[in-house]
Amino acid sequence: MTESIAKYLLENVALLFAEKRYSSFTHLEAISILGKSGNYTGAILGKLVRSGWLEKKTPDPYDKRKKLYRVRPLEETLFEIGRSEE
């Protein structure tokens, strides 16, 4: 289920979306886009995945450390938030 998020998280989603739209990106790419440290970026990505704003995939079954992220379709995300707050 998608949850409402704090303004600072929404700003990070906006930066990721502006750069990648709905294309997949890695943790290293997110560091570059957000201009933050690796630890901070990892924390942000984790919060966005848990709140339903990002999707996370592990494309290599032999190396679970490699992950790809993608911004979920914003229409779906906003629709889910609107329905959950009724």
N, C-alpha and C. Protein backbone atom coordinates (compact mmCIF):
# COMPACT_ATOMS: atom_id res chain seq x y z
N MET A 1 0.83 -1.17 0.00
CA MET A 1 0.00 0.00 0.00
C MET A 1 0.88 1.25 0.00
N THR A 2 0.49 2.22 -0.73
CA THR A 2 1.23 3.48 -0.83
C THR A 2 0.82 4.41 0.30
N GLU A 3 1.81 5.10 0.86
CA GLU A 3 1.57 6.02 1.97
C GLU A 3 1.96 7.43 1.56
N SER A 4 1.34 8.41 2.21
CA SER A 4 1.78 9.80 2.06
C SER A 4 3.19 9.91 2.62
N ILE A 5 3.98 10.81 2.06
CA ILE A 5 5.36 10.95 2.51
C ILE A 5 5.67 12.40 2.87
N ALA A 6 6.72 12.57 3.64
CA ALA A 6 7.16 13.90 4.05
C ALA A 6 7.68 14.69 2.84
N LYS A 7 7.68 16.01 3.00
CA LYS A 7 8.09 16.90 1.90
C LYS A 7 9.50 16.58 1.40
N TYR A 8 10.45 16.32 2.31
CA TYR A 8 11.82 16.04 1.87
C TYR A 8 11.90 14.76 1.04
N LEU A 9 11.05 13.78 1.34
CA LEU A 9 11.02 12.56 0.52
C LEU A 9 10.40 12.84 -0.84
N LEU A 10 9.34 13.64 -0.85
CA LEU A 10 8.69 14.00 -2.11
C LEU A 10 9.66 14.77 -3.01
N GLU A 11 10.47 15.64 -2.42
CA GLU A 11 11.47 16.37 -3.20
C GLU A 11 12.48 15.42 -3.83
N ASN A 12 12.86 14.36 -3.10
CA ASN A 12 13.79 13.39 -3.66
C ASN A 12 13.16 12.57 -4.77
N VAL A 13 11.88 12.21 -4.61
CA VAL A 13 11.17 11.51 -5.69
C VAL A 13 11.13 12.39 -6.93
N ALA A 14 10.87 13.68 -6.73
CA ALA A 14 10.80 14.61 -7.87
C ALA A 14 12.13 14.68 -8.60
N LEU A 15 13.24 14.71 -7.86
CA LEU A 15 14.56 14.74 -8.50
C LEU A 15 14.82 13.46 -9.29
N LEU A 16 14.49 12.32 -8.69
CA LEU A 16 14.69 11.05 -9.39
C LEU A 16 13.81 10.96 -10.62
N PHE A 17 12.55 11.39 -10.50
CA PHE A 17 11.63 11.35 -11.63
C PHE A 17 12.07 12.29 -12.75
N ALA A 18 12.54 13.47 -12.39
CA ALA A 18 12.98 14.44 -13.41
C ALA A 18 14.14 13.90 -14.22
N GLU A 19 14.99 13.13 -13.58
CA GLU A 19 16.17 12.61 -14.26
C GLU A 19 15.89 11.29 -15.00
N LYS A 20 15.14 10.40 -14.39
CA LYS A 20 14.99 9.04 -14.94
C LYS A 20 13.59 8.70 -15.45
N ARG A 21 12.60 9.56 -15.15
CA ARG A 21 11.19 9.24 -15.46
C ARG A 21 10.87 7.87 -14.89
N TYR A 22 10.46 6.93 -15.74
CA TYR A 22 10.11 5.59 -15.27
C TYR A 22 11.19 4.56 -15.61
N SER A 23 12.39 5.02 -15.96
CA SER A 23 13.50 4.11 -16.24
C SER A 23 14.12 3.64 -14.94
N SER A 24 14.70 2.47 -14.98
CA SER A 24 15.38 1.92 -13.81
C SER A 24 16.68 2.65 -13.55
N PHE A 25 17.09 2.66 -12.29
CA PHE A 25 18.37 3.27 -11.91
C PHE A 25 18.97 2.49 -10.74
N THR A 26 20.28 2.62 -10.60
CA THR A 26 21.00 1.95 -9.53
C THR A 26 21.18 2.88 -8.33
N HIS A 27 21.67 2.31 -7.25
CA HIS A 27 21.99 3.11 -6.06
C HIS A 27 23.03 4.17 -6.41
N LEU A 28 24.05 3.80 -7.18
CA LEU A 28 25.09 4.77 -7.55
C LEU A 28 24.52 5.91 -8.39
N GLU A 29 23.61 5.60 -9.29
CA GLU A 29 22.96 6.66 -10.08
C GLU A 29 22.13 7.57 -9.18
N ALA A 30 21.46 6.99 -8.20
CA ALA A 30 20.66 7.80 -7.27
C ALA A 30 21.55 8.73 -6.46
N ILE A 31 22.73 8.26 -6.06
CA ILE A 31 23.68 9.12 -5.34
C ILE A 31 24.03 10.33 -6.18
N SER A 32 24.29 10.09 -7.45
CA SER A 32 24.66 11.17 -8.37
C SER A 32 23.49 12.14 -8.57
N ILE A 33 22.29 11.61 -8.73
CA ILE A 33 21.11 12.44 -8.98
C ILE A 33 20.77 13.29 -7.76
N LEU A 34 20.81 12.67 -6.59
CA LEU A 34 20.41 13.37 -5.37
C LEU A 34 21.54 14.23 -4.79
N GLY A 35 22.78 13.90 -5.15
CA GLY A 35 23.92 14.67 -4.64
C GLY A 35 24.14 14.48 -3.15
N LYS A 36 23.81 13.32 -2.64
CA LYS A 36 23.95 13.01 -1.21
C LYS A 36 24.91 11.84 -1.03
N SER A 37 25.27 11.56 0.21
CA SER A 37 26.16 10.45 0.52
C SER A 37 25.47 9.12 0.22
N GLY A 38 26.26 8.07 0.14
CA GLY A 38 25.71 6.74 -0.12
C GLY A 38 24.79 6.27 0.98
N ASN A 39 25.17 6.51 2.24
CA ASN A 39 24.33 6.09 3.37
C ASN A 39 23.00 6.84 3.38
N TYR A 40 23.06 8.15 3.17
CA TYR A 40 21.83 8.95 3.17
C TYR A 40 20.93 8.52 2.01
N THR A 41 21.52 8.34 0.84
CA THR A 41 20.74 7.92 -0.33
C THR A 41 20.11 6.56 -0.09
N GLY A 42 20.86 5.64 0.51
CA GLY A 42 20.31 4.31 0.82
C GLY A 42 19.12 4.40 1.76
N ALA A 43 19.22 5.27 2.75
CA ALA A 43 18.11 5.45 3.69
C ALA A 43 16.89 6.03 2.98
N ILE A 44 17.11 7.01 2.11
CA ILE A 44 16.01 7.62 1.36
C ILE A 44 15.35 6.58 0.45
N LEU A 45 16.16 5.83 -0.29
CA LEU A 45 15.59 4.82 -1.20
C LEU A 45 14.78 3.79 -0.42
N GLY A 46 15.30 3.37 0.74
CA GLY A 46 14.57 2.41 1.57
C GLY A 46 13.22 2.94 2.01
N LYS A 47 13.18 4.20 2.46
CA LYS A 47 11.92 4.81 2.89
C LYS A 47 10.94 4.92 1.73
N LEU A 48 11.45 5.26 0.55
CA LEU A 48 10.57 5.40 -0.62
C LEU A 48 10.04 4.06 -1.10
N VAL A 49 10.84 3.01 -0.97
CA VAL A 49 10.36 1.66 -1.33
C VAL A 49 9.29 1.22 -0.32
N ARG A 50 9.57 1.39 0.97
CA ARG A 50 8.62 0.96 2.00
C ARG A 50 7.30 1.72 1.92
N SER A 51 7.36 2.98 1.52
CA SER A 51 6.13 3.77 1.44
C SER A 51 5.41 3.59 0.11
N GLY A 52 6.00 2.83 -0.82
CA GLY A 52 5.31 2.50 -2.07
C GLY A 52 5.56 3.45 -3.24
N TRP A 53 6.49 4.39 -3.10
CA TRP A 53 6.76 5.35 -4.17
C TRP A 53 7.80 4.83 -5.17
N LEU A 54 8.64 3.89 -4.75
CA LEU A 54 9.64 3.28 -5.64
C LEU A 54 9.43 1.78 -5.65
N GLU A 55 9.79 1.16 -6.77
CA GLU A 55 9.85 -0.29 -6.87
C GLU A 55 11.31 -0.70 -6.83
N LYS A 56 11.58 -1.86 -6.23
CA LYS A 56 12.95 -2.36 -6.16
C LYS A 56 12.98 -3.76 -6.74
N LYS A 57 13.97 -4.00 -7.61
CA LYS A 57 14.13 -5.32 -8.22
C LYS A 57 15.56 -5.80 -7.97
N THR A 58 15.73 -7.10 -7.92
CA THR A 58 17.05 -7.71 -7.85
C THR A 58 17.19 -8.53 -9.12
N PRO A 59 17.75 -7.93 -10.20
CA PRO A 59 17.75 -8.60 -11.50
C PRO A 59 18.71 -9.78 -11.60
N ASP A 60 19.76 -9.80 -10.77
CA ASP A 60 20.74 -10.87 -10.84
C ASP A 60 20.49 -11.84 -9.68
N PRO A 61 19.96 -13.03 -9.96
CA PRO A 61 19.64 -13.96 -8.87
C PRO A 61 20.89 -14.45 -8.12
N TYR A 62 22.08 -14.29 -8.71
CA TYR A 62 23.31 -14.74 -8.07
C TYR A 62 23.99 -13.65 -7.26
N ASP A 63 23.55 -12.43 -7.37
CA ASP A 63 24.13 -11.33 -6.60
C ASP A 63 23.01 -10.43 -6.10
N LYS A 64 22.51 -10.75 -4.91
CA LYS A 64 21.37 -10.03 -4.33
C LYS A 64 21.73 -8.60 -3.93
N ARG A 65 23.03 -8.26 -3.91
CA ARG A 65 23.44 -6.90 -3.54
C ARG A 65 23.08 -5.90 -4.63
N LYS A 66 23.02 -6.33 -5.87
CA LYS A 66 22.72 -5.43 -6.98
C LYS A 66 21.21 -5.25 -7.08
N LYS A 67 20.80 -4.00 -6.96
CA LYS A 67 19.37 -3.71 -7.02
C LYS A 67 19.10 -2.61 -8.03
N LEU A 68 17.94 -2.67 -8.64
CA LEU A 68 17.48 -1.62 -9.53
C LEU A 68 16.22 -1.02 -8.93
N TYR A 69 16.12 0.28 -9.03
CA TYR A 69 14.98 1.01 -8.52
C TYR A 69 14.26 1.68 -9.69
N ARG A 70 12.98 1.95 -9.48
CA ARG A 70 12.19 2.65 -10.49
C ARG A 70 11.06 3.39 -9.79
N VAL A 71 10.81 4.62 -10.22
CA VAL A 71 9.68 5.38 -9.69
C VAL A 71 8.40 4.71 -10.17
N ARG A 72 7.51 4.42 -9.24
CA ARG A 72 6.22 3.83 -9.62
C ARG A 72 5.42 4.85 -10.40
N PRO A 73 4.54 4.39 -11.28
CA PRO A 73 3.69 5.34 -12.01
C PRO A 73 2.96 6.27 -11.04
N LEU A 74 3.16 7.56 -11.24
CA LEU A 74 2.63 8.54 -10.29
C LEU A 74 1.10 8.52 -10.23
N GLU A 75 0.44 8.22 -11.35
CA GLU A 75 -1.02 8.16 -11.33
C GLU A 75 -1.49 7.08 -10.36
N GLU A 76 -0.85 5.91 -10.41
CA GLU A 76 -1.22 4.81 -9.51
C GLU A 76 -0.94 5.18 -8.06
N THR A 77 0.23 5.76 -7.83
CA THR A 77 0.64 6.12 -6.47
C THR A 77 -0.35 7.11 -5.86
N LEU A 78 -0.68 8.16 -6.60
CA LEU A 78 -1.60 9.17 -6.07
C LEU A 78 -3.01 8.62 -5.91
N PHE A 79 -3.43 7.76 -6.83
CA PHE A 79 -4.75 7.14 -6.73
C PHE A 79 -4.85 6.30 -5.45
N GLU A 80 -3.79 5.51 -5.17
CA GLU A 80 -3.79 4.69 -3.98
C GLU A 80 -3.85 5.51 -2.71
N ILE A 81 -3.11 6.62 -2.69
CA ILE A 81 -3.13 7.50 -1.51
C ILE A 81 -4.52 8.11 -1.33
N GLY A 82 -5.12 8.56 -2.42
CA GLY A 82 -6.46 9.13 -2.35
C GLY A 82 -7.50 8.14 -1.84
N ARG A 83 -7.40 6.92 -2.28
CA ARG A 83 -8.36 5.89 -1.85
C ARG A 83 -8.18 5.50 -0.39
N SER A 84 -6.90 5.50 0.06
CA SER A 84 -6.63 5.06 1.44
C SER A 84 -7.06 6.12 2.45
N GLU A 85 -7.19 7.37 2.01
CA GLU A 85 -7.55 8.43 2.96
C GLU A 85 -9.03 8.76 2.94
N GLU A 86 -9.82 7.95 2.24
CA GLU A 86 -11.28 8.18 2.20
C GLU A 86 -11.92 7.74 3.49
